[in-house]
Amino acid sequence: MDNTIKTAGSGRFSKVRVAAWSVAGLLLLTPAVAMLFTDAVDWSLSDFVFMGVLMLSVGIPLELAVRRSGSAAYRAGVGVALAGAFLMVWLNGAVGIIGSENDDVNAVYLVLLMGLFTGAVVSRFRPLGLMRTTAATAAGIVVITAVALLAGWGAPESGPRQIIGVNALFFAIFGGAAALFREALPDGDSPDPAA
């Protein structure tokens, strides 16, 4: 009976996966088409390769998460965390999160993402470990924001409102992922270390 449920569920999700990969491919082709009509879009081959690798680095782990767990909360948590990581890398490369894309201070976000990846691997992608790792990532964003404001990082390109706004978005993304992983915890797991 369990195999029947998984088979029915995987058929339903296969249409979603085909659609998601199709959308990713279309998004990657969009700049190529735009370059035929305007000079405002000027991507090099390395830009296309970078975006393709970035999309694969989100799509493949999401595929694995869908296959690994039947929990909608777990799948959503993985999707939200991967979307946050994608957005962070993309913004950092395109315009920079603090200041411009050339400001060395933006490397702290890449260190934060390396910590997120390391925590996910060390926890073997289990909901409890992922909950703690994404919560730690959200806490790291708060620390980065506070230090950036106190140290005056990013001036004059990034004012305090911009720094707070962008980092609040990332805090919400990774905090939301942590909440989803908490929802995905099996009954025997407790997020409270004292329990």
Protein backbone atom coordinates (compact mmCIF):
# COMPACT_ATOMS: atom_id res chain seq x y z
CA MET A 1 0.00 0.00 0.00
CA ASP A 2 2.87 2.36 0.82
CA ASN A 3 4.37 1.80 -2.65
CA THR A 4 1.06 2.74 -4.24
CA ILE A 5 1.00 6.04 -2.38
CA LYS A 6 4.60 6.82 -3.34
CA THR A 7 3.98 5.95 -6.97
CA ALA A 8 0.89 8.12 -7.14
CA GLY A 9 2.72 10.96 -5.41
CA SER A 10 5.77 10.72 -7.64
CA GLY A 11 3.56 10.86 -10.76
CA ARG A 12 1.94 14.04 -9.50
CA PHE A 13 5.29 15.59 -8.74
CA SER A 14 6.85 14.52 -12.03
CA LYS A 15 4.63 17.05 -13.85
CA VAL A 16 5.72 19.73 -11.41
CA ARG A 17 9.37 18.79 -11.89
CA VAL A 18 9.07 18.90 -15.69
CA ALA A 19 7.42 22.30 -15.43
CA ALA A 20 10.08 23.58 -13.00
CA TRP A 21 12.98 22.45 -15.19
CA SER A 22 11.24 23.94 -18.24
CA VAL A 23 10.85 27.29 -16.47
CA ALA A 24 14.52 27.18 -15.44
CA GLY A 25 15.53 26.54 -19.06
CA LEU A 26 13.32 29.36 -20.31
CA LEU A 27 14.77 31.74 -17.72
CA LEU A 28 18.25 30.85 -18.91
CA LEU A 29 17.24 31.49 -22.53
CA THR A 30 15.56 34.82 -21.77
CA PRO A 31 18.78 36.90 -21.81
CA ALA A 32 19.84 35.25 -25.09
CA VAL A 33 16.55 36.25 -26.73
CA ALA A 34 16.70 39.73 -25.19
CA MET A 35 20.20 40.21 -26.63
CA LEU A 36 18.72 39.80 -30.13
CA PHE A 37 16.48 42.84 -29.59
CA THR A 38 18.35 45.22 -27.30
CA ASP A 39 21.86 46.26 -26.35
CA ALA A 40 20.77 46.72 -22.72
CA VAL A 41 21.31 43.00 -22.13
CA ASP A 42 24.89 41.92 -22.76
CA TRP A 43 25.67 38.50 -21.32
CA SER A 44 28.91 36.69 -22.07
CA LEU A 45 29.32 32.94 -22.27
CA SER A 46 30.65 32.95 -18.71
CA ASP A 47 27.44 34.70 -17.54
CA PHE A 48 25.34 31.91 -19.07
CA VAL A 49 27.60 29.22 -17.59
CA PHE A 50 27.47 30.87 -14.15
CA MET A 51 23.67 31.10 -14.21
CA GLY A 52 23.35 27.55 -15.51
CA VAL A 53 25.55 26.22 -12.72
CA LEU A 54 23.61 28.29 -10.19
CA MET A 55 20.29 26.91 -11.44
CA LEU A 56 21.60 23.35 -11.37
CA SER A 57 22.92 23.87 -7.84
CA VAL A 58 19.35 24.65 -6.79
CA GLY A 59 17.47 22.23 -9.03
CA ILE A 60 19.44 19.06 -8.31
CA PRO A 61 19.26 19.32 -4.49
CA LEU A 62 15.56 20.13 -4.78
CA GLU A 63 15.07 17.02 -6.91
CA LEU A 64 16.87 14.96 -4.28
CA ALA A 65 14.76 16.45 -1.48
CA VAL A 66 11.56 15.63 -3.33
CA ARG A 67 12.71 12.05 -3.73
CA ARG A 68 14.04 11.79 -0.17
CA SER A 69 10.99 12.85 1.80
CA GLY A 70 7.24 12.67 1.49
CA SER A 71 6.88 15.56 3.94
CA ALA A 72 5.53 18.68 2.27
CA ALA A 73 7.06 20.82 5.03
CA TYR A 74 10.51 19.26 4.45
CA ARG A 75 10.27 19.78 0.70
CA ALA A 76 9.09 23.35 1.15
CA GLY A 77 11.89 24.01 3.65
CA VAL A 78 14.49 22.76 1.18
CA GLY A 79 12.92 24.84 -1.59
CA VAL A 80 12.84 28.01 0.52
CA ALA A 81 16.44 27.54 1.74
CA LEU A 82 17.69 26.86 -1.79
CA ALA A 83 15.78 29.87 -3.15
CA GLY A 84 17.38 32.02 -0.45
CA ALA A 85 20.85 30.73 -1.27
CA PHE A 86 20.24 31.25 -5.00
CA LEU A 87 19.04 34.82 -4.42
CA MET A 88 21.98 35.57 -2.13
CA VAL A 89 24.58 34.37 -4.65
CA TRP A 90 22.82 36.04 -7.56
CA LEU A 91 22.44 39.41 -5.82
CA ASN A 92 26.01 39.25 -4.58
CA GLY A 93 27.33 38.61 -8.08
CA ALA A 94 25.07 41.09 -9.86
CA VAL A 95 25.08 44.19 -7.67
CA GLY A 96 26.35 43.25 -4.21
CA ILE A 97 24.24 43.04 -1.08
CA ILE A 98 26.26 45.63 0.83
CA GLY A 99 27.77 48.35 -1.30
CA SER A 100 28.63 47.22 -4.82
CA GLU A 101 29.48 43.79 -6.19
CA ASN A 102 33.18 44.75 -5.91
CA ASP A 103 33.06 45.32 -2.14
CA ASP A 104 35.02 42.61 -0.36
CA VAL A 105 32.58 42.73 2.55
CA ASN A 106 30.08 40.74 0.49
CA ALA A 107 32.29 37.69 0.96
CA VAL A 108 30.74 37.29 4.44
CA TYR A 109 27.56 36.09 2.73
CA LEU A 110 29.47 33.39 0.86
CA VAL A 111 31.04 32.29 4.17
CA LEU A 112 27.52 32.17 5.62
CA LEU A 113 26.36 29.96 2.73
CA MET A 114 29.37 27.67 3.17
CA GLY A 115 28.30 27.27 6.81
CA LEU A 116 24.77 26.48 5.66
CA PHE A 117 26.04 23.83 3.24
CA THR A 118 28.41 22.35 5.82
CA GLY A 119 25.65 22.18 8.43
CA ALA A 120 23.33 20.48 5.97
CA VAL A 121 25.94 17.86 5.08
CA VAL A 122 26.99 17.26 8.70
CA SER A 123 23.35 16.80 9.73
CA ARG A 124 22.90 14.42 6.80
CA PHE A 125 20.02 16.58 5.59
CA ARG A 126 17.78 15.54 8.48
CA PRO A 127 15.01 17.96 9.48
CA LEU A 128 16.41 18.68 12.96
CA GLY A 129 19.87 19.50 11.63
CA LEU A 130 18.47 21.55 8.78
CA MET A 131 16.23 23.44 11.21
CA ARG A 132 19.23 24.33 13.36
CA THR A 133 21.41 25.18 10.36
CA THR A 134 18.87 27.48 8.71
CA ALA A 135 18.10 29.11 12.08
CA ALA A 136 21.85 29.70 12.54
CA THR A 137 21.99 31.19 9.06
CA ALA A 138 19.15 33.58 9.95
CA ALA A 139 21.00 34.52 13.16
CA GLY A 140 24.18 35.09 11.13
CA ILE A 141 22.29 37.51 8.91
CA VAL A 142 21.28 39.51 11.99
CA VAL A 143 24.93 39.66 13.09
CA ILE A 144 26.10 40.73 9.62
CA THR A 145 23.43 43.44 9.52
CA ALA A 146 24.40 44.80 12.95
CA VAL A 147 28.11 44.83 12.14
CA ALA A 148 27.49 46.42 8.72
CA LEU A 149 25.46 49.22 10.29
CA LEU A 150 27.92 49.83 13.14
CA ALA A 151 31.00 49.69 10.90
CA GLY A 152 29.46 51.73 8.08
CA TRP A 153 30.01 49.02 5.50
CA GLY A 154 28.73 49.69 2.00
CA ALA A 155 28.64 53.47 2.23
CA PRO A 156 27.79 55.42 0.16
CA GLU A 157 26.18 52.87 -2.21
CA SER A 158 24.14 51.17 0.51
CA GLY A 159 22.36 53.19 3.16
CA PRO A 160 21.05 51.78 6.45
CA ARG A 161 17.52 51.27 5.07
CA GLN A 162 18.78 49.25 2.12
CA ILE A 163 21.06 47.12 4.30
CA ILE A 164 18.26 46.46 6.79
CA GLY A 165 15.69 45.79 4.06
CA VAL A 166 17.73 43.30 2.04
CA ASN A 167 18.98 41.49 5.13
CA ALA A 168 15.47 41.39 6.61
CA LEU A 169 14.37 39.60 3.44
CA PHE A 170 17.12 36.99 3.86
CA PHE A 171 16.34 36.66 7.56
CA ALA A 172 12.69 35.97 6.69
CA ILE A 173 13.68 33.40 4.04
CA PHE A 174 16.02 31.39 6.24
CA GLY A 175 13.88 31.84 9.35
CA GLY A 176 10.91 30.59 7.33
CA ALA A 177 12.93 27.58 6.17
CA ALA A 178 13.81 26.81 9.81
CA ALA A 179 10.11 26.96 10.74
CA LEU A 180 9.27 24.57 7.89
CA PHE A 181 11.96 22.11 8.99
CA ARG A 182 10.61 22.31 12.54
CA GLU A 183 7.20 21.38 11.13
CA ALA A 184 8.81 18.44 9.32
CA LEU A 185 10.37 16.97 12.48
CA PRO A 186 9.36 13.38 13.17
CA ASP A 187 7.40 12.89 16.40
CA GLY A 188 10.45 11.52 18.24
CA ASP A 189 12.72 14.49 17.46
CA SER A 190 12.65 17.52 19.70
CA PRO A 191 14.15 20.88 18.72
CA ASP A 192 14.75 21.56 22.43
CA PRO A 193 18.19 20.21 23.50
CA ALA A 194 16.94 19.86 27.10
CA ALA A 195 14.08 17.57 26.06
